[in-house]
Amino acid sequence: MSVQGVGLVGGRSAGAVHLVDDPLRWDREPTADPQVVALPALWWPPPDGVPDAPVGFLLQGLPEAGGAVTLAPVVADVDLDLVRDGEPVELDGDAGTVRFADVTETPVVTAFLERPDGRILLLQRSERVGSFRGRWAAVSGFLEDPTPVDQARREVREETGLGNADVTLAAEGRPVYVRDGDRIWVVHPFRFRVDRTSVTLDWEHTGFDWVDPAELRRRPTVPKLDRAWEAVAPVPRPKG
């Protein structure tokens, strides 16, 4: 599967990931395998210049500088928690993607329901679901319908009892990627406005709560739920 990032330097390459944990030391013991160096964008470009040995570079975030002189492909704006040290990847600097050879892609949807007062609905996952039991989540489900928004509406109906007439689509965000062993969840986030706040839970959940979005960082939620919300959150209005 491929994860979308931002291509900074074009070209294609393949190699084993080398996760850098020290901004002043990129080296490791020599190896016959080509290396793709992965590091935070804050450390790019290196003060002593880009080393020649790596066949590509993978950056978390976007660098403030325009990049560095290198002929190797550079893909930025990819979370490094998606890669594992030593695993093989393929970089496409023209398309801005990183491809994982041995990872399964699992597309899902996450739908946030938002009240007029700005509070959003969280659901507590039951012990009968297959993953992240007991965690708090938004309305969610595997992508089975023709489009993610169709699936989101179906999950809202099944998990809360709110039909299409009760919800209004407000935003659709860029996918959020979550690594889980040999699987990467591709989360398609949505935000729906609702006026009716009474919900009917199905077997997948044991409780619900309408919370301020800031609560997402304080509760035990499914991975990166706060990131999914940021992808669809309303833009704050300027004061004054």
C-alpha atoms as a PDB file:
ATOM      1  CA  MET A   1       0.000   0.000   0.000  1.00  0.00           C
ATOM      2  CA  SER A   2       1.036   3.636  -0.486  1.00  0.00           C
ATOM      3  CA  VAL A   3       0.788   6.581   1.909  1.00  0.00           C
ATOM      4  CA  GLN A   4       0.413  10.072   0.478  1.00  0.00           C
ATOM      5  CA  GLY A   5       2.896  12.741   1.490  1.00  0.00           C
ATOM      6  CA  VAL A   6       4.524  15.701  -0.256  1.00  0.00           C
ATOM      7  CA  GLY A   7       7.297  15.216  -2.800  1.00  0.00           C
ATOM      8  CA  LEU A   8      10.213  17.630  -2.317  1.00  0.00           C
ATOM      9  CA  VAL A   9      12.733  16.000  -4.671  1.00  0.00           C
ATOM     10  CA  GLY A  10      11.591  13.852  -7.577  1.00  0.00           C
ATOM     11  CA  GLY A  11      12.654  10.378  -8.606  1.00  0.00           C
ATOM     12  CA  ARG A  12      12.113   6.854  -7.337  1.00  0.00           C
ATOM     13  CA  SER A  13      14.125   4.632  -5.032  1.00  0.00           C
ATOM     14  CA  ALA A  14      13.777   1.642  -2.723  1.00  0.00           C
ATOM     15  CA  GLY A  15      15.592   0.666   0.440  1.00  0.00           C
ATOM     16  CA  ALA A  16      15.438  -0.266   4.101  1.00  0.00           C
ATOM     17  CA  VAL A  17      14.293   2.391   6.557  1.00  0.00           C
ATOM     18  CA  HIS A  18      16.909   3.917   8.857  1.00  0.00           C
ATOM     19  CA  LEU A  19      15.148   5.870  11.625  1.00  0.00           C
ATOM     20  CA  VAL A  20      17.427   8.685  12.797  1.00  0.00           C
ATOM     21  CA  ASP A  21      17.169   9.471  16.525  1.00  0.00           C
ATOM     22  CA  ASP A  22      19.939  12.092  16.780  1.00  0.00           C
ATOM     23  CA  PRO A  23      20.006  15.207  14.576  1.00  0.00           C
ATOM     24  CA  LEU A  24      23.823  15.265  14.642  1.00  0.00           C
ATOM     25  CA  ARG A  25      24.347  11.581  13.839  1.00  0.00           C
ATOM     26  CA  TRP A  26      22.834  10.055  10.740  1.00  0.00           C
ATOM     27  CA  ASP A  27      25.415   7.339  10.285  1.00  0.00           C
ATOM     28  CA  ARG A  28      25.059   3.691  11.165  1.00  0.00           C
ATOM     29  CA  GLU A  29      27.187   0.624  10.549  1.00  0.00           C
ATOM     30  CA  PRO A  30      27.849   0.076   6.817  1.00  0.00           C
ATOM     31  CA  THR A  31      25.409  -2.250   5.124  1.00  0.00           C
ATOM     32  CA  ALA A  32      25.080  -3.677   1.662  1.00  0.00           C
ATOM     33  CA  ASP A  33      21.380  -2.797   1.615  1.00  0.00           C
ATOM     34  CA  PRO A  34      20.291   0.615   0.272  1.00  0.00           C
ATOM     35  CA  GLN A  35      19.004   2.886   3.037  1.00  0.00           C
ATOM     36  CA  VAL A  36      16.079   5.301   3.171  1.00  0.00           C
ATOM     37  CA  VAL A  37      16.803   7.764   5.969  1.00  0.00           C
ATOM     38  CA  ALA A  38      13.724   8.816   7.995  1.00  0.00           C
ATOM     39  CA  LEU A  39      13.847  11.829  10.314  1.00  0.00           C
ATOM     40  CA  PRO A  40      11.858  14.841  11.562  1.00  0.00           C
ATOM     41  CA  ALA A  41      11.640  17.742   9.111  1.00  0.00           C
ATOM     42  CA  LEU A  42      13.031  20.032  11.849  1.00  0.00           C
ATOM     43  CA  TRP A  43      16.413  18.326  11.323  1.00  0.00           C
ATOM     44  CA  TRP A  44      16.401  18.955   7.567  1.00  0.00           C
ATOM     45  CA  PRO A  45      18.686  19.940   5.927  1.00  0.00           C
ATOM     46  CA  PRO A  46      21.641  18.725   8.033  1.00  0.00           C
ATOM     47  CA  PRO A  47      24.227  21.382   8.933  1.00  0.00           C
ATOM     48  CA  ASP A  48      27.080  19.414   7.343  1.00  0.00           C
ATOM     49  CA  GLY A  49      25.254  18.659   4.110  1.00  0.00           C
ATOM     50  CA  VAL A  50      23.294  15.672   2.884  1.00  0.00           C
ATOM     51  CA  PRO A  51      25.196  12.348   2.991  1.00  0.00           C
ATOM     52  CA  ASP A  52      25.666  10.544  -0.312  1.00  0.00           C
ATOM     53  CA  ALA A  53      24.978   6.981   0.867  1.00  0.00           C
ATOM     54  CA  PRO A  54      21.167   7.018   1.374  1.00  0.00           C
ATOM     55  CA  VAL A  55      19.003   6.337  -1.682  1.00  0.00           C
ATOM     56  CA  GLY A  56      16.126   8.450  -0.347  1.00  0.00           C
ATOM     57  CA  PHE A  57      14.837  10.558   2.521  1.00  0.00           C
ATOM     58  CA  LEU A  58      11.534  10.442   4.392  1.00  0.00           C
ATOM     59  CA  LEU A  59      10.580  13.456   6.528  1.00  0.00           C
ATOM     60  CA  GLN A  60       7.961  13.850   9.229  1.00  0.00           C
ATOM     61  CA  GLY A  61       6.348  17.225   8.674  1.00  0.00           C
ATOM     62  CA  LEU A  62       7.399  19.906   6.211  1.00  0.00           C
ATOM     63  CA  PRO A  63      10.800  21.594   6.509  1.00  0.00           C
ATOM     64  CA  GLU A  64      10.945  25.352   6.987  1.00  0.00           C
ATOM     65  CA  ALA A  65      13.791  25.603   4.494  1.00  0.00           C
ATOM     66  CA  GLY A  66      13.265  24.753   0.869  1.00  0.00           C
ATOM     67  CA  GLY A  67      15.127  21.477   1.163  1.00  0.00           C
ATOM     68  CA  ALA A  68      18.740  20.580   0.419  1.00  0.00           C
ATOM     69  CA  VAL A  69      20.814  19.711  -2.614  1.00  0.00           C
ATOM     70  CA  THR A  70      20.395  15.978  -3.148  1.00  0.00           C
ATOM     71  CA  LEU A  71      19.732  13.774  -6.130  1.00  0.00           C
ATOM     72  CA  ALA A  72      17.882  11.210  -4.018  1.00  0.00           C
ATOM     73  CA  PRO A  73      14.067  11.348  -3.761  1.00  0.00           C
ATOM     74  CA  VAL A  74      12.662  13.210  -0.747  1.00  0.00           C
ATOM     75  CA  VAL A  75       9.094  12.688   0.514  1.00  0.00           C
ATOM     76  CA  ALA A  76       7.865  14.862   3.394  1.00  0.00           C
ATOM     77  CA  ASP A  77       4.763  15.198   5.572  1.00  0.00           C
ATOM     78  CA  VAL A  78       4.599  11.486   6.477  1.00  0.00           C
ATOM     79  CA  ASP A  79       4.234  10.357  10.111  1.00  0.00           C
ATOM     80  CA  LEU A  80       7.285   8.348  11.111  1.00  0.00           C
ATOM     81  CA  ASP A  81       5.193   6.185  13.427  1.00  0.00           C
ATOM     82  CA  LEU A  82       4.023   4.501  10.216  1.00  0.00           C
ATOM     83  CA  VAL A  83       7.461   3.065   9.432  1.00  0.00           C
ATOM     84  CA  ARG A  84       9.576   0.467  11.207  1.00  0.00           C
ATOM     85  CA  ASP A  85      13.363   0.520  11.352  1.00  0.00           C
ATOM     86  CA  GLY A  86      14.812  -1.826   8.747  1.00  0.00           C
ATOM     87  CA  GLU A  87      11.614  -2.509   6.817  1.00  0.00           C
ATOM     88  CA  PRO A  88      11.649  -2.115   3.006  1.00  0.00           C
ATOM     89  CA  VAL A  89       9.897   0.884   1.449  1.00  0.00           C
ATOM     90  CA  GLU A  90       9.676   2.495  -1.977  1.00  0.00           C
ATOM     91  CA  LEU A  91       9.763   6.271  -2.410  1.00  0.00           C
ATOM     92  CA  ASP A  92       8.218   8.181  -5.307  1.00  0.00           C
ATOM     93  CA  GLY A  93       9.295  11.789  -5.033  1.00  0.00           C
ATOM     94  CA  ASP A  94       7.267  12.797  -8.081  1.00  0.00           C
ATOM     95  CA  ALA A  95       3.980  11.487  -6.676  1.00  0.00           C
ATOM     96  CA  GLY A  96       4.964  12.258  -3.069  1.00  0.00           C
ATOM     97  CA  THR A  97       4.250   8.724  -1.833  1.00  0.00           C
ATOM     98  CA  VAL A  98       5.905   6.015   0.238  1.00  0.00           C
ATOM     99  CA  ARG A  99       4.947   2.413  -0.524  1.00  0.00           C
ATOM    100  CA  PHE A 100       5.020  -0.444   1.988  1.00  0.00           C
ATOM    101  CA  ALA A 101       5.507  -3.889   0.484  1.00  0.00           C
ATOM    102  CA  ASP A 102       4.411  -6.055   3.423  1.00  0.00           C
ATOM    103  CA  VAL A 103       1.642  -3.967   5.003  1.00  0.00           C
ATOM    104  CA  THR A 104      -2.107  -4.430   4.565  1.00  0.00           C
ATOM    105  CA  GLU A 105      -4.302  -1.402   3.853  1.00  0.00           C
ATOM    106  CA  THR A 106      -7.600  -1.249   5.744  1.00  0.00           C
ATOM    107  CA  PRO A 107      -9.846   1.716   4.837  1.00  0.00           C
ATOM    108  CA  VAL A 108     -12.317   2.920   7.473  1.00  0.00           C
ATOM    109  CA  VAL A 109     -14.486   5.969   8.110  1.00  0.00           C
ATOM    110  CA  THR A 110     -14.775   8.148  11.192  1.00  0.00           C
ATOM    111  CA  ALA A 111     -17.734  10.534  11.503  1.00  0.00           C
ATOM    112  CA  PHE A 112     -17.876  13.277  14.117  1.00  0.00           C
ATOM    113  CA  LEU A 113     -21.353  14.525  15.017  1.00  0.00           C
ATOM    114  CA  GLU A 114     -21.329  18.173  16.112  1.00  0.00           C
ATOM    115  CA  ARG A 115     -24.052  19.949  18.090  1.00  0.00           C
ATOM    116  CA  PRO A 116     -24.891  23.649  17.568  1.00  0.00           C
ATOM    117  CA  ASP A 117     -22.918  24.472  20.733  1.00  0.00           C
ATOM    118  CA  GLY A 118     -19.760  22.907  19.244  1.00  0.00           C
ATOM    119  CA  ARG A 119     -19.717  19.745  21.351  1.00  0.00           C
ATOM    120  CA  ILE A 120     -19.045  16.469  19.537  1.00  0.00           C
ATOM    121  CA  LEU A 121     -20.276  12.936  20.150  1.00  0.00           C
ATOM    122  CA  LEU A 122     -17.910  10.310  21.564  1.00  0.00           C
ATOM    123  CA  LEU A 123     -18.868   6.649  21.810  1.00  0.00           C
ATOM    124  CA  GLN A 124     -17.253   4.096  24.134  1.00  0.00           C
ATOM    125  CA  ARG A 125     -16.425   0.873  22.314  1.00  0.00           C
ATOM    126  CA  SER A 126     -17.793  -2.322  23.826  1.00  0.00           C
ATOM    127  CA  GLU A 127     -15.982  -5.573  24.641  1.00  0.00           C
ATOM    128  CA  ARG A 128     -17.709  -7.202  21.667  1.00  0.00           C
ATOM    129  CA  VAL A 129     -15.856  -5.266  18.966  1.00  0.00           C
ATOM    130  CA  GLY A 130     -12.700  -6.562  17.310  1.00  0.00           C
ATOM    131  CA  SER A 131     -10.286  -3.759  18.193  1.00  0.00           C
ATOM    132  CA  PHE A 132      -9.618  -0.974  20.700  1.00  0.00           C
ATOM    133  CA  ARG A 133     -12.139  -2.273  23.231  1.00  0.00           C
ATOM    134  CA  GLY A 134     -13.135   0.230  25.891  1.00  0.00           C
ATOM    135  CA  ARG A 135     -11.643   3.173  23.997  1.00  0.00           C
ATOM    136  CA  TRP A 136     -13.595   6.272  23.065  1.00  0.00           C
ATOM    137  CA  ALA A 137     -14.216   6.950  19.367  1.00  0.00           C
ATOM    138  CA  ALA A 138     -16.429   8.794  16.959  1.00  0.00           C
ATOM    139  CA  VAL A 139     -18.892   6.931  14.759  1.00  0.00           C
ATOM    140  CA  SER A 140     -16.740   4.537  12.729  1.00  0.00           C
ATOM    141  CA  GLY A 141     -16.725   1.470  10.520  1.00  0.00           C
ATOM    142  CA  PHE A 142     -15.020  -0.422   7.715  1.00  0.00           C
ATOM    143  CA  LEU A 143     -15.356   1.026   4.223  1.00  0.00           C
ATOM    144  CA  GLU A 144     -17.813  -1.231   2.386  1.00  0.00           C
ATOM    145  CA  ASP A 145     -20.154   1.183   0.579  1.00  0.00           C
ATOM    146  CA  PRO A 146     -19.178   2.686  -2.808  1.00  0.00           C
ATOM    147  CA  THR A 147     -17.906   5.938  -1.307  1.00  0.00           C
ATOM    148  CA  PRO A 148     -16.562   6.924   2.142  1.00  0.00           C
ATOM    149  CA  VAL A 149     -19.346   9.486   2.686  1.00  0.00           C
ATOM    150  CA  ASP A 150     -22.013   6.849   1.931  1.00  0.00           C
ATOM    151  CA  GLN A 151     -20.365   4.563   4.477  1.00  0.00           C
ATOM    152  CA  ALA A 152     -20.175   7.373   7.036  1.00  0.00           C
ATOM    153  CA  ARG A 153     -23.893   8.070   6.725  1.00  0.00           C
ATOM    154  CA  ARG A 154     -24.682   4.359   7.087  1.00  0.00           C
ATOM    155  CA  GLU A 155     -22.524   4.055  10.220  1.00  0.00           C
ATOM    156  CA  VAL A 156     -24.212   7.118  11.743  1.00  0.00           C
ATOM    157  CA  ARG A 157     -27.609   5.549  11.147  1.00  0.00           C
ATOM    158  CA  GLU A 158     -26.612   2.138  12.537  1.00  0.00           C
ATOM    159  CA  GLU A 159     -24.634   3.352  15.564  1.00  0.00           C
ATOM    160  CA  THR A 160     -26.751   6.320  16.677  1.00  0.00           C
ATOM    161  CA  GLY A 161     -30.177   5.934  15.055  1.00  0.00           C
ATOM    162  CA  LEU A 162     -29.814   9.306  13.289  1.00  0.00           C
ATOM    163  CA  GLY A 163     -30.856   9.195   9.638  1.00  0.00           C
ATOM    164  CA  ASN A 164     -29.861  11.330   6.662  1.00  0.00           C
ATOM    165  CA  ALA A 165     -32.556  13.867   7.514  1.00  0.00           C
ATOM    166  CA  ASP A 166     -31.014  14.360  10.974  1.00  0.00           C
ATOM    167  CA  VAL A 167     -27.444  15.129   9.855  1.00  0.00           C
ATOM    168  CA  THR A 168     -25.820  17.654   7.517  1.00  0.00           C
ATOM    169  CA  LEU A 169     -22.379  17.072   6.050  1.00  0.00           C
ATOM    170  CA  ALA A 170     -20.096  19.938   7.132  1.00  0.00           C
ATOM    171  CA  ALA A 171     -16.594  18.741   6.227  1.00  0.00           C
ATOM    172  CA  GLU A 172     -14.588  15.884   4.716  1.00  0.00           C
ATOM    173  CA  GLY A 173     -10.891  15.695   5.597  1.00  0.00           C
ATOM    174  CA  ARG A 174      -7.670  14.276   4.244  1.00  0.00           C
ATOM    175  CA  PRO A 175      -7.155  10.634   5.293  1.00  0.00           C
ATOM    176  CA  VAL A 176      -5.311   9.935   8.527  1.00  0.00           C
ATOM    177  CA  TYR A 177      -3.013   6.886   8.644  1.00  0.00           C
ATOM    178  CA  VAL A 178      -2.652   4.645  11.726  1.00  0.00           C
ATOM    179  CA  ARG A 179      -0.095   1.797  11.920  1.00  0.00           C
ATOM    180  CA  ASP A 180      -1.199  -1.351  13.757  1.00  0.00           C
ATOM    181  CA  GLY A 181       1.350  -4.144  13.318  1.00  0.00           C
ATOM    182  CA  ASP A 182       1.287  -5.252   9.680  1.00  0.00           C
ATOM    183  CA  ARG A 183      -1.808  -3.169   8.996  1.00  0.00           C
ATOM    184  CA  ILE A 184      -2.296   0.513   8.275  1.00  0.00           C
ATOM    185  CA  TRP A 185      -5.755   1.910   8.936  1.00  0.00           C
ATOM    186  CA  VAL A 186      -6.660   4.547   6.341  1.00  0.00           C
ATOM    187  CA  VAL A 187      -9.142   6.729   8.229  1.00  0.00           C
ATOM    188  CA  HIS A 188     -11.494   8.898   6.143  1.00  0.00           C
ATOM    189  CA  PRO A 189     -12.777  11.617   8.518  1.00  0.00           C
ATOM    190  CA  PHE A 190     -16.084  13.507   8.302  1.00  0.00           C
ATOM    191  CA  ARG A 191     -17.934  16.100  10.355  1.00  0.00           C
ATOM    192  CA  PHE A 192     -21.742  16.238  10.395  1.00  0.00           C
ATOM    193  CA  ARG A 193     -23.866  18.894  12.051  1.00  0.00           C
ATOM    194  CA  VAL A 194     -26.855  17.666  14.045  1.00  0.00           C
ATOM    195  CA  ASP A 195     -29.748  19.362  15.824  1.00  0.00           C
ATOM    196  CA  ARG A 196     -31.158  16.217  17.418  1.00  0.00           C
ATOM    197  CA  THR A 197     -28.885  15.016  20.208  1.00  0.00           C
ATOM    198  CA  SER A 198     -30.701  11.922  21.497  1.00  0.00           C
ATOM    199  CA  VAL A 199     -29.001   8.777  20.186  1.00  0.00           C
ATOM    200  CA  THR A 200     -29.764   5.058  20.211  1.00  0.00           C
ATOM    201  CA  LEU A 201     -26.638   2.909  20.619  1.00  0.00           C
ATOM    202  CA  ASP A 202     -26.095  -0.451  18.971  1.00  0.00           C
ATOM    203  CA  TRP A 203     -24.077  -3.411  20.324  1.00  0.00           C
ATOM    204  CA  GLU A 204     -20.744  -1.867  19.376  1.00  0.00           C
ATOM    205  CA  HIS A 205     -20.872   0.732  22.169  1.00  0.00           C
ATOM    206  CA  THR A 206     -21.674   0.872  25.868  1.00  0.00           C
ATOM    207  CA  GLY A 207     -21.947   4.636  26.409  1.00  0.00           C
ATOM    208  CA  PHE A 208     -21.788   8.059  24.821  1.00  0.00           C
ATOM    209  CA  ASP A 209     -20.920  11.599  25.775  1.00  0.00           C
ATOM    210  CA  TRP A 210     -21.154  15.024  24.134  1.00  0.00           C
ATOM    211  CA  VAL A 211     -17.813  16.706  24.836  1.00  0.00           C
ATOM    212  CA  ASP A 212     -15.771  19.759  24.014  1.00  0.00           C
ATOM    213  CA  PRO A 213     -13.238  18.775  21.297  1.00  0.00           C
ATOM    214  CA  ALA A 214     -10.383  19.568  23.710  1.00  0.00           C
ATOM    215  CA  GLU A 215     -11.457  16.446  25.625  1.00  0.00           C
ATOM    216  CA  LEU A 216     -10.014  14.282  22.837  1.00  0.00           C
ATOM    217  CA  ARG A 217      -6.505  14.739  24.214  1.00  0.00           C
ATOM    218  CA  ARG A 218      -7.533  13.771  27.753  1.00  0.00           C
ATOM    219  CA  ARG A 219      -9.502  10.577  27.171  1.00  0.00           C
ATOM    220  CA  PRO A 220      -8.283   7.101  26.193  1.00  0.00           C
ATOM    221  CA  THR A 221      -9.382   7.193  22.546  1.00  0.00           C
ATOM    222  CA  VAL A 222      -8.676   5.101  19.488  1.00  0.00           C
ATOM    223  CA  PRO A 223      -5.326   6.079  17.931  1.00  0.00           C
ATOM    224  CA  LYS A 224      -5.086   9.519  16.326  1.00  0.00           C
ATOM    225  CA  LEU A 225      -8.717  10.435  16.937  1.00  0.00           C
ATOM    226  CA  ASP A 226      -7.537  13.972  17.677  1.00  0.00           C
ATOM    227  CA  ARG A 227      -5.780  14.051  14.297  1.00  0.00           C
ATOM    228  CA  ALA A 228      -8.956  12.925  12.537  1.00  0.00           C
ATOM    229  CA  TRP A 229     -10.873  15.733  14.275  1.00  0.00           C
ATOM    230  CA  GLU A 230      -8.237  18.304  13.277  1.00  0.00           C
ATOM    231  CA  ALA A 231      -8.711  17.243   9.655  1.00  0.00           C
ATOM    232  CA  VAL A 232     -12.401  18.276   9.718  1.00  0.00           C
ATOM    233  CA  ALA A 233     -12.624  20.816  12.574  1.00  0.00           C
ATOM    234  CA  PRO A 234     -14.197  24.195  11.827  1.00  0.00           C
ATOM    235  CA  VAL A 235     -11.758  27.028  11.160  1.00  0.00           C
ATOM    236  CA  PRO A 236     -11.777  29.430  14.139  1.00  0.00           C
ATOM    237  CA  ARG A 237     -13.217  32.836  13.354  1.00  0.00           C
ATOM    238  CA  PRO A 238     -10.872  35.791  13.946  1.00  0.00           C
ATOM    239  CA  LYS A 239     -11.726  37.910  16.972  1.00  0.00           C
ATOM    240  CA  GLY A 240     -12.527  41.615  16.752  1.00  0.00           C
END
